Amino acid sequence: MRFKRKGIFHVYIVQCIDGMYYTGSTKNLEERIKLHNKGNGAKYLRARLPVKLVYAKKYRYYKTVLNAERDIKKLPRGKKEELIKIYENKT
């Protein structure tokens, strides 16, 4: 099966039980959060459950969402918190 490079993709930040942030990307945001909270997916999160979605943004292209994920991961904590605040004010 060939992976589609167009569609709806999400970059997201979840907050772990210990207050740490984890950034990822996915095609199905709801399902990914459920998987994380079941202990599946990223090893980093398994000892930090449950996680709570604190930021998400949609993208139309796979490459764009990967670039956004990489850029967010490079941000210092304070800048991530600014993104989260903007997201919370929109929802």
Protein backbone atom coordinates (compact mmCIF):
# COMPACT_ATOMS: atom_id res chain seq x y z
CA MET A 1 0.00 0.00 0.00
CA ARG A 2 1.33 3.40 -0.92
CA PHE A 3 1.33 6.21 1.65
CA LYS A 4 -0.59 9.31 0.61
CA ARG A 5 1.39 12.50 0.90
CA LYS A 6 -1.70 14.73 0.69
CA GLY A 7 -4.63 14.83 3.06
CA ILE A 8 -5.05 16.05 6.60
CA PHE A 9 -2.07 15.65 8.91
CA HIS A 10 -1.67 16.97 12.43
CA VAL A 11 1.29 18.12 14.47
CA TYR A 12 0.52 17.94 18.17
CA ILE A 13 1.90 18.50 21.63
CA VAL A 14 0.78 16.44 24.60
CA GLN A 15 1.56 17.19 28.21
CA CYS A 16 2.66 14.23 30.29
CA ILE A 17 1.65 13.54 33.89
CA ASP A 18 5.09 14.84 35.00
CA GLY A 19 4.59 18.13 33.12
CA MET A 20 6.95 17.33 30.24
CA TYR A 21 5.88 17.97 26.65
CA TYR A 22 6.02 15.52 23.77
CA THR A 23 5.61 16.59 20.14
CA GLY A 24 4.54 14.30 17.33
CA SER A 25 2.64 14.12 14.06
CA THR A 26 -0.12 11.87 12.81
CA LYS A 27 -2.85 11.39 10.25
CA ASN A 28 -5.45 10.47 12.92
CA LEU A 29 -5.10 12.69 15.99
CA GLU A 30 -7.83 11.12 18.16
CA GLU A 31 -6.53 7.62 17.59
CA ARG A 32 -2.93 8.63 18.29
CA ILE A 33 -3.83 10.16 21.66
CA LYS A 34 -5.75 6.99 22.57
CA LEU A 35 -2.75 4.85 21.56
CA HIS A 36 -0.40 6.95 23.67
CA ASN A 37 -2.67 6.64 26.71
CA LYS A 38 -2.87 2.87 26.26
CA GLY A 39 0.94 2.72 26.46
CA ASN A 40 1.42 2.10 22.74
CA GLY A 41 3.44 4.33 20.47
CA ALA A 42 6.34 6.39 21.74
CA LYS A 43 8.47 4.69 24.41
CA TYR A 44 9.19 8.10 25.93
CA LEU A 45 5.56 8.41 27.02
CA ARG A 46 5.04 4.98 28.57
CA ALA A 47 6.32 6.03 32.00
CA ARG A 48 4.60 9.43 31.80
CA LEU A 49 0.94 8.50 31.34
CA PRO A 50 -1.70 9.72 31.01
CA VAL A 51 -1.06 12.43 28.44
CA LYS A 52 -3.30 15.37 27.62
CA LEU A 53 -3.52 17.07 24.23
CA VAL A 54 -2.49 20.72 24.66
CA TYR A 55 -1.77 21.79 21.06
CA ALA A 56 -2.68 20.65 17.55
CA LYS A 57 -2.47 22.14 14.08
CA LYS A 58 -3.62 20.73 10.74
CA TYR A 59 -1.54 20.56 7.58
CA ARG A 60 -2.39 19.40 4.06
CA TYR A 61 0.95 17.89 3.11
CA TYR A 62 3.04 15.22 4.80
CA LYS A 63 6.33 17.02 4.26
CA THR A 64 4.94 20.22 5.79
CA VAL A 65 3.76 18.46 8.94
CA LEU A 66 7.16 16.76 9.35
CA ASN A 67 8.90 20.13 9.06
CA ALA A 68 6.50 21.65 11.61
CA GLU A 69 7.12 18.76 14.02
CA ARG A 70 10.88 19.16 13.69
CA ASP A 71 10.65 22.93 14.24
CA ILE A 72 8.46 22.59 17.34
CA LYS A 73 10.77 19.96 18.83
CA LYS A 74 13.65 22.46 18.55
CA LEU A 75 11.76 25.16 20.47
CA PRO A 76 12.61 25.87 24.11
CA ARG A 77 9.90 25.12 26.65
CA GLY A 78 8.82 28.76 26.93
CA LYS A 79 8.12 29.02 23.20
CA LYS A 80 6.14 25.77 23.29
CA GLU A 81 4.07 27.22 26.12
CA GLU A 82 3.38 30.31 23.99
CA LEU A 83 2.06 28.05 21.20
CA ILE A 84 -0.08 26.18 23.71
CA LYS A 85 -1.53 29.42 25.08
CA ILE A 86 -2.48 30.59 21.57
CA TYR A 87 -4.08 27.20 20.89
CA GLU A 88 -6.05 27.30 24.15
CA ASN A 89 -7.37 30.77 23.36
CA LYS A 90 -8.64 29.57 19.94
CA THR A 91 -10.49 26.53 21.33
